[in-house]
Amino acid sequence: NRREEGNPTVTIFTFDKNELERLNVLSFECANREWLRYISANRTDKTA
């Protein structure tokens, strides 16, 4: 709807959770204080 072109499409991927061990991961369990601060930084600063 926003782009006014194409068709609503869901692409499905698989991911091996063991790969998370080799990646630098930030994980939020819930919408807590740290989550709010992180999304606030991203939603207010394009250079975050």
All heavy atoms as atom14 arrays in JSON, in Angstrom:
{
  "sequence": "NRREEGNPTVTIFTFDKNELERLNVLSFECANREWLRYISANRTDKTA",
  "atom14_mask": [
    [1, 1, 1, 1, 1, 1, 1, 1, 0, 0, 0, 0, 0, 0],
    [1, 1, 1, 1, 1, 1, 1, 1, 1, 1, 1, 0, 0, 0],
    [1, 1, 1, 1, 1, 1, 1, 1, 1, 1, 1, 0, 0, 0],
    [1, 1, 1, 1, 1, 1, 1, 1, 1, 0, 0, 0, 0, 0],
    [1, 1, 1, 1, 1, 1, 1, 1, 1, 0, 0, 0, 0, 0],
    [1, 1, 1, 1, 0, 0, 0, 0, 0, 0, 0, 0, 0, 0],
    [1, 1, 1, 1, 1, 1, 1, 1, 0, 0, 0, 0, 0, 0],
    [1, 1, 1, 1, 1, 1, 1, 0, 0, 0, 0, 0, 0, 0],
    [1, 1, 1, 1, 1, 1, 1, 0, 0, 0, 0, 0, 0, 0],
    [1, 1, 1, 1, 1, 1, 1, 0, 0, 0, 0, 0, 0, 0],
    [1, 1, 1, 1, 1, 1, 1, 0, 0, 0, 0, 0, 0, 0],
    [1, 1, 1, 1, 1, 1, 1, 1, 0, 0, 0, 0, 0, 0],
    [1, 1, 1, 1, 1, 1, 1, 1, 1, 1, 1, 0, 0, 0],
    [1, 1, 1, 1, 1, 1, 1, 0, 0, 0, 0, 0, 0, 0],
    [1, 1, 1, 1, 1, 1, 1, 1, 1, 1, 1, 0, 0, 0],
    [1, 1, 1, 1, 1, 1, 1, 1, 0, 0, 0, 0, 0, 0],
    [1, 1, 1, 1, 1, 1, 1, 1, 1, 0, 0, 0, 0, 0],
    [1, 1, 1, 1, 1, 1, 1, 1, 0, 0, 0, 0, 0, 0],
    [1, 1, 1, 1, 1, 1, 1, 1, 1, 0, 0, 0, 0, 0],
    [1, 1, 1, 1, 1, 1, 1, 1, 0, 0, 0, 0, 0, 0],
    [1, 1, 1, 1, 1, 1, 1, 1, 1, 0, 0, 0, 0, 0],
    [1, 1, 1, 1, 1, 1, 1, 1, 1, 1, 1, 0, 0, 0],
    [1, 1, 1, 1, 1, 1, 1, 1, 0, 0, 0, 0, 0, 0],
    [1, 1, 1, 1, 1, 1, 1, 1, 0, 0, 0, 0, 0, 0],
    [1, 1, 1, 1, 1, 1, 1, 0, 0, 0, 0, 0, 0, 0],
    [1, 1, 1, 1, 1, 1, 1, 1, 0, 0, 0, 0, 0, 0],
    [1, 1, 1, 1, 1, 1, 0, 0, 0, 0, 0, 0, 0, 0],
    [1, 1, 1, 1, 1, 1, 1, 1, 1, 1, 1, 0, 0, 0],
    [1, 1, 1, 1, 1, 1, 1, 1, 1, 0, 0, 0, 0, 0],
    [1, 1, 1, 1, 1, 1, 0, 0, 0, 0, 0, 0, 0, 0],
    [1, 1, 1, 1, 1, 0, 0, 0, 0, 0, 0, 0, 0, 0],
    [1, 1, 1, 1, 1, 1, 1, 1, 0, 0, 0, 0, 0, 0],
    [1, 1, 1, 1, 1, 1, 1, 1, 1, 1, 1, 0, 0, 0],
    [1, 1, 1, 1, 1, 1, 1, 1, 1, 0, 0, 0, 0, 0],
    [1, 1, 1, 1, 1, 1, 1, 1, 1, 1, 1, 1, 1, 1],
    [1, 1, 1, 1, 1, 1, 1, 1, 0, 0, 0, 0, 0, 0],
    [1, 1, 1, 1, 1, 1, 1, 1, 1, 1, 1, 0, 0, 0],
    [1, 1, 1, 1, 1, 1, 1, 1, 1, 1, 1, 1, 0, 0],
    [1, 1, 1, 1, 1, 1, 1, 1, 0, 0, 0, 0, 0, 0],
    [1, 1, 1, 1, 1, 1, 0, 0, 0, 0, 0, 0, 0, 0],
    [1, 1, 1, 1, 1, 0, 0, 0, 0, 0, 0, 0, 0, 0],
    [1, 1, 1, 1, 1, 1, 1, 1, 0, 0, 0, 0, 0, 0],
    [1, 1, 1, 1, 1, 1, 1, 1, 1, 1, 1, 0, 0, 0],
    [1, 1, 1, 1, 1, 1, 1, 0, 0, 0, 0, 0, 0, 0],
    [1, 1, 1, 1, 1, 1, 1, 1, 0, 0, 0, 0, 0, 0],
    [1, 1, 1, 1, 1, 1, 1, 1, 1, 0, 0, 0, 0, 0],
    [1, 1, 1, 1, 1, 1, 1, 0, 0, 0, 0, 0, 0, 0],
    [1, 1, 1, 1, 1, 0, 0, 0, 0, 0, 0, 0, 0, 0]
  ],
  "atom14_positions": [
    [[0.83, -1.21, 0.0], [0.0, 0.0, 0.0], [0.86, 1.26, 0.0], [0.56, 2.21, -0.72], [-0.94, 0.0, 1.2], [-2.05, -1.02, 1.08], [-2.37, -1.48, -0.02], [-2.63, -1.41, 2.2], [0.0, 0.0, 0.0], [0.0, 0.0, 0.0], [0.0, 0.0, 0.0], [0.0, 0.0, 0.0], [0.0, 0.0, 0.0], [0.0, 0.0, 0.0]],
    [[1.94, 1.27, 0.79], [2.8, 2.45, 0.88], [3.52, 2.7, -0.44], [3.63, 3.83, -0.91], [3.8, 2.28, 2.02], [4.61, 3.54, 2.3], [5.57, 3.41, 3.47], [6.59, 2.43, 3.21], [6.73, 1.27, 3.84], [5.89, 0.91, 4.78], [7.7, 0.44, 3.53], [0.0, 0.0, 0.0], [0.0, 0.0, 0.0], [0.0, 0.0, 0.0]],
    [[3.99, 1.64, -1.08], [4.75, 1.78, -2.32], [3.86, 1.86, -3.56], [4.34, 2.2, -4.64], [5.73, 0.62, -2.47], [6.81, 0.67, -1.4], [7.82, -0.43, -1.56], [8.84, -0.31, -0.52], [9.67, -1.27, -0.19], [9.63, -2.43, -0.83], [10.55, -1.1, 0.77], [0.0, 0.0, 0.0], [0.0, 0.0, 0.0], [0.0, 0.0, 0.0]],
    [[2.6, 1.49, -3.4], [1.61, 1.55, -4.48], [2.06, 0.76, -5.72], [1.84, 1.18, -6.85], [1.27, 2.99, -4.85], [0.65, 3.76, -3.69], [0.32, 5.19, -4.04], [0.95, 5.79, -4.95], [-0.58, 5.74, -3.38], [0.0, 0.0, 0.0], [0.0, 0.0, 0.0], [0.0, 0.0, 0.0], [0.0, 0.0, 0.0], [0.0, 0.0, 0.0]],
    [[2.71, -0.37, -5.47], [3.09, -1.26, -6.57], [3.41, -2.64, -6.01], [3.64, -2.81, -4.81], [4.3, -0.72, -7.34], [5.57, -0.63, -6.53], [6.73, -0.05, -7.34], [6.52, 0.46, -8.44], [7.86, -0.12, -6.84], [0.0, 0.0, 0.0], [0.0, 0.0, 0.0], [0.0, 0.0, 0.0], [0.0, 0.0, 0.0], [0.0, 0.0, 0.0]],
    [[3.39, -3.64, -6.89], [3.69, -5.0, -6.48], [2.48, -5.69, -5.87], [1.35, -5.19, -5.96], [0.0, 0.0, 0.0], [0.0, 0.0, 0.0], [0.0, 0.0, 0.0], [0.0, 0.0, 0.0], [0.0, 0.0, 0.0], [0.0, 0.0, 0.0], [0.0, 0.0, 0.0], [0.0, 0.0, 0.0], [0.0, 0.0, 0.0], [0.0, 0.0, 0.0]],
    [[2.72, -6.82, -5.23], [1.67, -7.6, -4.58], [2.15, -8.0, -3.19], [3.34, -8.32, -3.02], [1.36, -8.87, -5.38], [0.8, -8.54, -6.74], [-0.23, -7.88, -6.86], [1.48, -8.98, -7.79], [0.0, 0.0, 0.0], [0.0, 0.0, 0.0], [0.0, 0.0, 0.0], [0.0, 0.0, 0.0], [0.0, 0.0, 0.0], [0.0, 0.0, 0.0]],
    [[1.24, -8.01, -2.21], [1.66, -8.45, -0.87], [2.25, -9.86, -0.94], [1.6, -10.79, -1.41], [0.36, -8.42, -0.07], [-0.56, -7.51, -0.82], [-0.18, -7.66, -2.27], [0.0, 0.0, 0.0], [0.0, 0.0, 0.0], [0.0, 0.0, 0.0], [0.0, 0.0, 0.0], [0.0, 0.0, 0.0], [0.0, 0.0, 0.0], [0.0, 0.0, 0.0]],
    [[3.48, -9.98, -0.49], [4.24, -11.21, -0.64], [4.99, -11.51, 0.65], [5.62, -10.62, 1.22], [5.26, -11.07, -1.79], [4.57, -10.66, -2.98], [6.01, -12.35, -2.05], [0.0, 0.0, 0.0], [0.0, 0.0, 0.0], [0.0, 0.0, 0.0], [0.0, 0.0, 0.0], [0.0, 0.0, 0.0], [0.0, 0.0, 0.0], [0.0, 0.0, 0.0]],
    [[4.94, -12.77, 1.08], [5.74, -13.2, 2.22], [6.79, -14.18, 1.71], [6.46, -15.21, 1.13], [4.87, -13.87, 3.31], [5.74, -14.45, 4.42], [3.87, -12.86, 3.89], [0.0, 0.0, 0.0], [0.0, 0.0, 0.0], [0.0, 0.0, 0.0], [0.0, 0.0, 0.0], [0.0, 0.0, 0.0], [0.0, 0.0, 0.0], [0.0, 0.0, 0.0]],
    [[8.05, -13.81, 1.92], [9.15, -14.7, 1.57], [9.58, -15.42, 2.84], [9.73, -14.8, 3.89], [10.33, -13.92, 0.96], [9.86, -13.11, -0.13], [11.41, -14.86, 0.45], [0.0, 0.0, 0.0], [0.0, 0.0, 0.0], [0.0, 0.0, 0.0], [0.0, 0.0, 0.0], [0.0, 0.0, 0.0], [0.0, 0.0, 0.0], [0.0, 0.0, 0.0]],
    [[9.77, -16.72, 2.71], [10.07, -17.56, 3.87], [11.54, -18.0, 3.81], [12.03, -18.44, 2.77], [9.13, -18.78, 3.89], [7.68, -18.28, 3.91], [9.44, -19.68, 5.08], [6.66, -19.36, 3.65], [0.0, 0.0, 0.0], [0.0, 0.0, 0.0], [0.0, 0.0, 0.0], [0.0, 0.0, 0.0], [0.0, 0.0, 0.0], [0.0, 0.0, 0.0]],
    [[12.2, -17.87, 4.96], [13.6, -18.25, 5.09], [13.75, -19.22, 6.26], [12.93, -19.24, 7.16], [14.47, -17.01, 5.39], [14.5, -16.01, 4.28], [13.56, -14.99, 4.22], [15.48, -16.08, 3.29], [13.59, -14.06, 3.19], [15.5, -15.15, 2.26], [14.55, -14.15, 2.21], [0.0, 0.0, 0.0], [0.0, 0.0, 0.0], [0.0, 0.0, 0.0]],
    [[14.81, -19.99, 6.22], [15.2, -20.78, 7.38], [16.51, -20.21, 7.91], [17.3, -19.63, 7.17], [15.36, -22.28, 7.07], [16.32, -22.44, 6.03], [14.03, -22.9, 6.66], [0.0, 0.0, 0.0], [0.0, 0.0, 0.0], [0.0, 0.0, 0.0], [0.0, 0.0, 0.0], [0.0, 0.0, 0.0], [0.0, 0.0, 0.0], [0.0, 0.0, 0.0]],
    [[16.69, -20.4, 9.19], [17.88, -19.88, 9.87], [18.28, -20.86, 10.96], [17.44, -21.28, 11.75], [17.56, -18.5, 10.47], [18.66, -17.91, 11.27], [19.79, -17.39, 10.66], [18.58, -17.85, 12.66], [20.82, -16.85, 11.4], [19.6, -17.3, 13.41], [20.73, -16.8, 12.79], [0.0, 0.0, 0.0], [0.0, 0.0, 0.0], [0.0, 0.0, 0.0]],
    [[19.53, -21.23, 10.97], [20.05, -22.12, 11.99], [20.4, -21.28, 13.22], [21.31, -20.45, 13.17], [21.29, -22.85, 11.46], [21.87, -23.84, 12.46], [21.44, -23.84, 13.64], [22.75, -24.61, 12.06], [0.0, 0.0, 0.0], [0.0, 0.0, 0.0], [0.0, 0.0, 0.0], [0.0, 0.0, 0.0], [0.0, 0.0, 0.0], [0.0, 0.0, 0.0]],
    [[19.68, -21.5, 14.32], [19.9, -20.7, 15.54], [21.32, -20.81, 16.07], [21.79, -19.91, 16.75], [18.91, -21.11, 16.64], [17.5, -20.66, 16.35], [16.59, -20.69, 17.55], [16.54, -22.01, 18.24], [15.5, -22.08, 19.29], [0.0, 0.0, 0.0], [0.0, 0.0, 0.0], [0.0, 0.0, 0.0], [0.0, 0.0, 0.0], [0.0, 0.0, 0.0]],
    [[22.01, -21.88, 15.74], [23.41, -22.02, 16.18], [24.3, -20.95, 15.56], [25.37, -20.65, 16.09], [23.94, -23.41, 15.83], [23.19, -24.49, 16.59], [22.89, -24.34, 17.77], [22.86, -25.57, 15.91], [0.0, 0.0, 0.0], [0.0, 0.0, 0.0], [0.0, 0.0, 0.0], [0.0, 0.0, 0.0], [0.0, 0.0, 0.0], [0.0, 0.0, 0.0]],
    [[23.86, -20.36, 14.44], [24.63, -19.28, 13.79], [24.72, -18.04, 14.69], [25.63, -17.24, 14.54], [23.98, -18.9, 12.46], [24.14, -19.94, 11.38], [25.56, -20.03, 10.87], [26.24, -18.99, 10.74], [26.01, -21.15, 10.59], [0.0, 0.0, 0.0], [0.0, 0.0, 0.0], [0.0, 0.0, 0.0], [0.0, 0.0, 0.0], [0.0, 0.0, 0.0]],
    [[23.79, -17.91, 15.61], [23.81, -16.74, 16.51], [25.09, -16.68, 17.33], [25.53, -15.61, 17.73], [22.59, -16.75, 17.43], [21.24, -16.52, 16.75], [20.1, -16.69, 17.74], [21.17, -15.14, 16.09], [0.0, 0.0, 0.0], [0.0, 0.0, 0.0], [0.0, 0.0, 0.0], [0.0, 0.0, 0.0], [0.0, 0.0, 0.0], [0.0, 0.0, 0.0]],
    [[25.71, -17.85, 17.55], [26.95, -17.9, 18.34], [28.1, -17.19, 17.65], [29.02, -16.7, 18.32], [27.31, -19.36, 18.62], [26.31, -20.04, 19.52], [26.56, -21.54, 19.65], [27.65, -22.03, 19.26], [25.66, -22.22, 20.15], [0.0, 0.0, 0.0], [0.0, 0.0, 0.0], [0.0, 0.0, 0.0], [0.0, 0.0, 0.0], [0.0, 0.0, 0.0]],
    [[28.1, -17.12, 16.32], [29.2, -16.47, 15.6], [28.88, -15.01, 15.24], [29.68, -14.32, 14.64], [29.56, -17.26, 14.33], [28.55, -17.19, 13.23], [29.04, -17.91, 11.97], [28.11, -17.73, 10.9], [28.12, -16.7, 10.04], [29.04, -15.77, 10.13], [27.22, -16.61, 9.09], [0.0, 0.0, 0.0], [0.0, 0.0, 0.0], [0.0, 0.0, 0.0]],
    [[27.69, -14.57, 15.63], [27.25, -13.21, 15.31], [27.17, -12.35, 16.57], [26.94, -12.85, 17.66], [25.88, -13.26, 14.62], [25.82, -14.05, 13.31], [24.37, -14.23, 12.87], [26.63, -13.36, 12.22], [0.0, 0.0, 0.0], [0.0, 0.0, 0.0], [0.0, 0.0, 0.0], [0.0, 0.0, 0.0], [0.0, 0.0, 0.0], [0.0, 0.0, 0.0]],
    [[27.31, -11.05, 16.37], [27.15, -10.09, 17.46], [25.66, -9.76, 17.55], [25.12, -9.09, 16.66], [27.99, -8.84, 17.18], [27.98, -7.87, 18.34], [27.5, -8.16, 19.42], [28.52, -6.68, 18.09], [0.0, 0.0, 0.0], [0.0, 0.0, 0.0], [0.0, 0.0, 0.0], [0.0, 0.0, 0.0], [0.0, 0.0, 0.0], [0.0, 0.0, 0.0]],
    [[24.99, -10.26, 18.6], [23.53, -10.19, 18.7], [23.11, -9.33, 19.89], [23.64, -9.47, 20.99], [22.94, -11.61, 18.86], [21.43, -11.56, 19.0], [23.34, -12.49, 17.68], [0.0, 0.0, 0.0], [0.0, 0.0, 0.0], [0.0, 0.0, 0.0], [0.0, 0.0, 0.0], [0.0, 0.0, 0.0], [0.0, 0.0, 0.0], [0.0, 0.0, 0.0]],
    [[22.13, -8.48, 19.65], [21.46, -7.75, 20.71], [20.04, -8.29, 20.78], [19.35, -8.32, 19.76], [21.44, -6.25, 20.41], [20.66, -5.36, 21.39], [21.26, -5.42, 22.79], [20.62, -3.92, 20.87], [0.0, 0.0, 0.0], [0.0, 0.0, 0.0], [0.0, 0.0, 0.0], [0.0, 0.0, 0.0], [0.0, 0.0, 0.0], [0.0, 0.0, 0.0]],
    [[19.63, -8.74, 21.96], [18.31, -9.34, 22.08], [17.55, -8.72, 23.24], [18.09, -8.59, 24.34], [18.46, -10.85, 22.29], [17.19, -11.47, 22.34], [0.0, 0.0, 0.0], [0.0, 0.0, 0.0], [0.0, 0.0, 0.0], [0.0, 0.0, 0.0], [0.0, 0.0, 0.0], [0.0, 0.0, 0.0], [0.0, 0.0, 0.0], [0.0, 0.0, 0.0]],
    [[16.31, -8.35, 22.97], [15.41, -7.81, 24.0], [14.31, -8.83, 24.24], [13.61, -9.22, 23.31], [14.78, -6.49, 23.52], [15.77, -5.41, 23.22], [16.16, -5.15, 21.91], [16.32, -4.64, 24.24], [17.08, -4.15, 21.62], [17.23, -3.63, 23.96], [17.61, -3.39, 22.65], [0.0, 0.0, 0.0], [0.0, 0.0, 0.0], [0.0, 0.0, 0.0]],
    [[14.14, -9.24, 25.49], [13.1, -10.22, 25.84], [11.71, -9.6, 25.8], [10.72, -10.26, 25.52], [13.37, -10.8, 27.23], [14.62, -11.63, 27.31], [14.55, -12.87, 26.42], [13.5, -13.54, 26.41], [15.56, -13.14, 25.75], [0.0, 0.0, 0.0], [0.0, 0.0, 0.0], [0.0, 0.0, 0.0], [0.0, 0.0, 0.0], [0.0, 0.0, 0.0]],
    [[11.63, -8.31, 26.12], [10.34, -7.63, 26.18], [10.56, -6.14, 25.92], [11.68, -5.69, 25.77], [9.66, -7.86, 27.53], [10.59, -7.17, 28.92], [0.0, 0.0, 0.0], [0.0, 0.0, 0.0], [0.0, 0.0, 0.0], [0.0, 0.0, 0.0], [0.0, 0.0, 0.0], [0.0, 0.0, 0.0], [0.0, 0.0, 0.0], [0.0, 0.0, 0.0]],
    [[9.46, -5.41, 25.88], [9.52, -3.96, 25.67], [9.91, -3.29, 26.99], [9.09, -2.71, 27.68], [8.18, -3.44, 25.16], [0.0, 0.0, 0.0], [0.0, 0.0, 0.0], [0.0, 0.0, 0.0], [0.0, 0.0, 0.0], [0.0, 0.0, 0.0], [0.0, 0.0, 0.0], [0.0, 0.0, 0.0], [0.0, 0.0, 0.0], [0.0, 0.0, 0.0]],
    [[11.2, -3.39, 27.31], [11.7, -2.84, 28.57], [12.39, -1.49, 28.32], [12.37, -0.96, 27.22], [12.62, -3.84, 29.25], [13.81, -4.22, 28.39], [14.2, -3.5, 27.46], [14.41, -5.37, 28.67], [0.0, 0.0, 0.0], [0.0, 0.0, 0.0], [0.0, 0.0, 0.0], [0.0, 0.0, 0.0], [0.0, 0.0, 0.0], [0.0, 0.0, 0.0]],
    [[12.99, -0.98, 29.37], [13.65, 0.34, 29.32], [14.75, 0.38, 28.25], [14.84, 1.33, 27.47], [14.23, 0.63, 30.7], [14.72, 2.03, 30.92], [15.13, 2.26, 32.37], [14.15, 1.81, 33.36], [13.06, 2.49, 33.71], [12.81, 3.65, 33.15], [12.22, 2.01, 34.6], [0.0, 0.0, 0.0], [0.0, 0.0, 0.0], [0.0, 0.0, 0.0]],
    [[15.58, -0.67, 28.17], [16.67, -0.7, 27.18], [16.11, -0.73, 25.76], [16.64, -0.08, 24.86], [17.59, -1.9, 27.44], [18.42, -1.79, 28.7], [17.62, -2.01, 30.0], [16.58, -2.7, 29.96], [18.04, -1.47, 31.03], [0.0, 0.0, 0.0], [0.0, 0.0, 0.0], [0.0, 0.0, 0.0], [0.0, 0.0, 0.0], [0.0, 0.0, 0.0]],
    [[15.05, -1.53, 25.55], [14.39, -1.6, 24.25], [13.86, -0.23, 23.85], [14.06, 0.23, 22.72], [13.26, -2.63, 24.31], [12.41, -2.73, 23.08], [12.66, -3.47, 21.96], [11.15, -2.1, 22.84], [11.63, -3.32, 21.04], [10.7, -2.48, 21.57], [10.36, -1.22, 23.59], [9.51, -2.03, 21.03], [9.17, -0.77, 23.05], [8.75, -1.18, 21.78]],
    [[13.17, 0.44, 24.77], [12.61, 1.76, 24.5], [13.71, 2.75, 24.12], [13.57, 3.51, 23.16], [11.81, 2.26, 25.7], [11.16, 3.64, 25.55], [10.15, 3.64, 24.41], [10.49, 4.05, 26.87], [0.0, 0.0, 0.0], [0.0, 0.0, 0.0], [0.0, 0.0, 0.0], [0.0, 0.0, 0.0], [0.0, 0.0, 0.0], [0.0, 0.0, 0.0]],
    [[14.8, 2.73, 24.84], [15.92, 3.64, 24.54], [16.54, 3.34, 23.17], [16.88, 4.24, 22.42], [16.98, 3.55, 25.63], [16.51, 4.15, 26.94], [17.51, 3.96, 28.03], [17.01, 4.51, 29.29], [17.54, 4.27, 30.47], [18.62, 3.5, 30.57], [17.02, 4.8, 31.55], [0.0, 0.0, 0.0], [0.0, 0.0, 0.0], [0.0, 0.0, 0.0]],
    [[16.68, 2.03, 22.86], [17.27, 1.64, 21.58], [16.39, 2.06, 20.4], [16.87, 2.66, 19.44], [17.54, 0.13, 21.56], [18.3, -0.34, 20.35], [19.68, -0.17, 20.27], [17.65, -0.94, 19.29], [20.38, -0.6, 19.15], [18.35, -1.37, 18.17], [19.71, -1.2, 18.11], [20.4, -1.61, 16.99], [0.0, 0.0, 0.0], [0.0, 0.0, 0.0]],
    [[15.09, 1.75, 20.48], [14.24, 2.13, 19.34], [14.05, 3.64, 19.27], [13.92, 4.19, 18.18], [12.88, 1.4, 19.32], [11.98, 1.82, 20.45], [13.06, -0.1, 19.28], [10.53, 1.39, 20.24], [0.0, 0.0, 0.0], [0.0, 0.0, 0.0], [0.0, 0.0, 0.0], [0.0, 0.0, 0.0], [0.0, 0.0, 0.0], [0.0, 0.0, 0.0]],
    [[14.09, 4.32, 20.42], [13.99, 5.79, 20.42], [15.17, 6.4, 19.68], [15.0, 7.33, 18.88], [13.92, 6.33, 21.84], [12.74, 5.91, 22.48], [0.0, 0.0, 0.0], [0.0, 0.0, 0.0], [0.0, 0.0, 0.0], [0.0, 0.0, 0.0], [0.0, 0.0, 0.0], [0.0, 0.0, 0.0], [0.0, 0.0, 0.0], [0.0, 0.0, 0.0]],
    [[16.36, 5.86, 19.93], [17.56, 6.36, 19.23], [17.43, 6.14, 17.73], [17.72, 7.03, 16.93], [18.81, 5.67, 19.76], [0.0, 0.0, 0.0], [0.0, 0.0, 0.0], [0.0, 0.0, 0.0], [0.0, 0.0, 0.0], [0.0, 0.0, 0.0], [0.0, 0.0, 0.0], [0.0, 0.0, 0.0], [0.0, 0.0, 0.0], [0.0, 0.0, 0.0]],
    [[16.95, 4.97, 17.33], [16.82, 4.66, 15.9], [15.69, 5.44, 15.24], [15.78, 5.76, 14.05], [16.61, 3.16, 15.69], [17.89, 2.38, 15.85], [18.85, 2.63, 15.15], [17.91, 1.47, 16.8], [0.0, 0.0, 0.0], [0.0, 0.0, 0.0], [0.0, 0.0, 0.0], [0.0, 0.0, 0.0], [0.0, 0.0, 0.0], [0.0, 0.0, 0.0]],
    [[14.64, 5.74, 15.97], [13.51, 6.44, 15.37], [13.69, 7.96, 15.35], [12.89, 8.67, 14.75], [12.21, 6.08, 16.09], [11.74, 4.68, 15.74], [10.37, 4.39, 16.3], [9.78, 3.24, 15.65], [9.05, 3.3, 14.55], [8.81, 4.45, 13.98], [8.55, 2.21, 14.02], [0.0, 0.0, 0.0], [0.0, 0.0, 0.0], [0.0, 0.0, 0.0]],
    [[14.74, 8.47, 15.99], [14.96, 9.91, 16.01], [16.26, 10.33, 15.33], [16.47, 11.52, 15.12], [14.97, 10.45, 17.46], [15.97, 9.75, 18.21], [13.61, 10.27, 18.11], [0.0, 0.0, 0.0], [0.0, 0.0, 0.0], [0.0, 0.0, 0.0], [0.0, 0.0, 0.0], [0.0, 0.0, 0.0], [0.0, 0.0, 0.0], [0.0, 0.0, 0.0]],
    [[17.12, 9.38, 14.99], [18.43, 9.74, 14.45], [18.81, 8.8, 13.31], [19.14, 7.64, 13.54], [19.47, 9.66, 15.57], [20.86, 10.1, 15.12], [21.03, 10.51, 13.95], [21.78, 10.04, 15.95], [0.0, 0.0, 0.0], [0.0, 0.0, 0.0], [0.0, 0.0, 0.0], [0.0, 0.0, 0.0], [0.0, 0.0, 0.0], [0.0, 0.0, 0.0]],
    [[18.8, 9.32, 12.08], [19.16, 8.51, 10.92], [20.62, 8.06, 10.97], [21.0, 7.13, 10.31], [18.93, 9.29, 9.62], [17.5, 9.39, 9.21], [17.36, 10.04, 7.87], [15.9, 10.15, 7.52], [15.66, 10.77, 6.25], [0.0, 0.0, 0.0], [0.0, 0.0, 0.0], [0.0, 0.0, 0.0], [0.0, 0.0, 0.0], [0.0, 0.0, 0.0]],
    [[21.42, 8.74, 11.76], [22.84, 8.4, 11.83], [23.13, 7.45, 12.99], [24.3, 7.14, 13.24], [23.7, 9.67, 11.96], [23.36, 10.32, 13.2], [23.47, 10.61, 10.79], [0.0, 0.0, 0.0], [0.0, 0.0, 0.0], [0.0, 0.0, 0.0], [0.0, 0.0, 0.0], [0.0, 0.0, 0.0], [0.0, 0.0, 0.0], [0.0, 0.0, 0.0]],
    [[22.11, 6.99, 13.72], [22.34, 6.07, 14.83], [23.05, 4.82, 14.31], [22.62, 4.22, 13.34], [21.01, 5.7, 15.49], [0.0, 0.0, 0.0], [0.0, 0.0, 0.0], [0.0, 0.0, 0.0], [0.0, 0.0, 0.0], [0.0, 0.0, 0.0], [0.0, 0.0, 0.0], [0.0, 0.0, 0.0], [0.0, 0.0, 0.0], [0.0, 0.0, 0.0]]
  ]
}
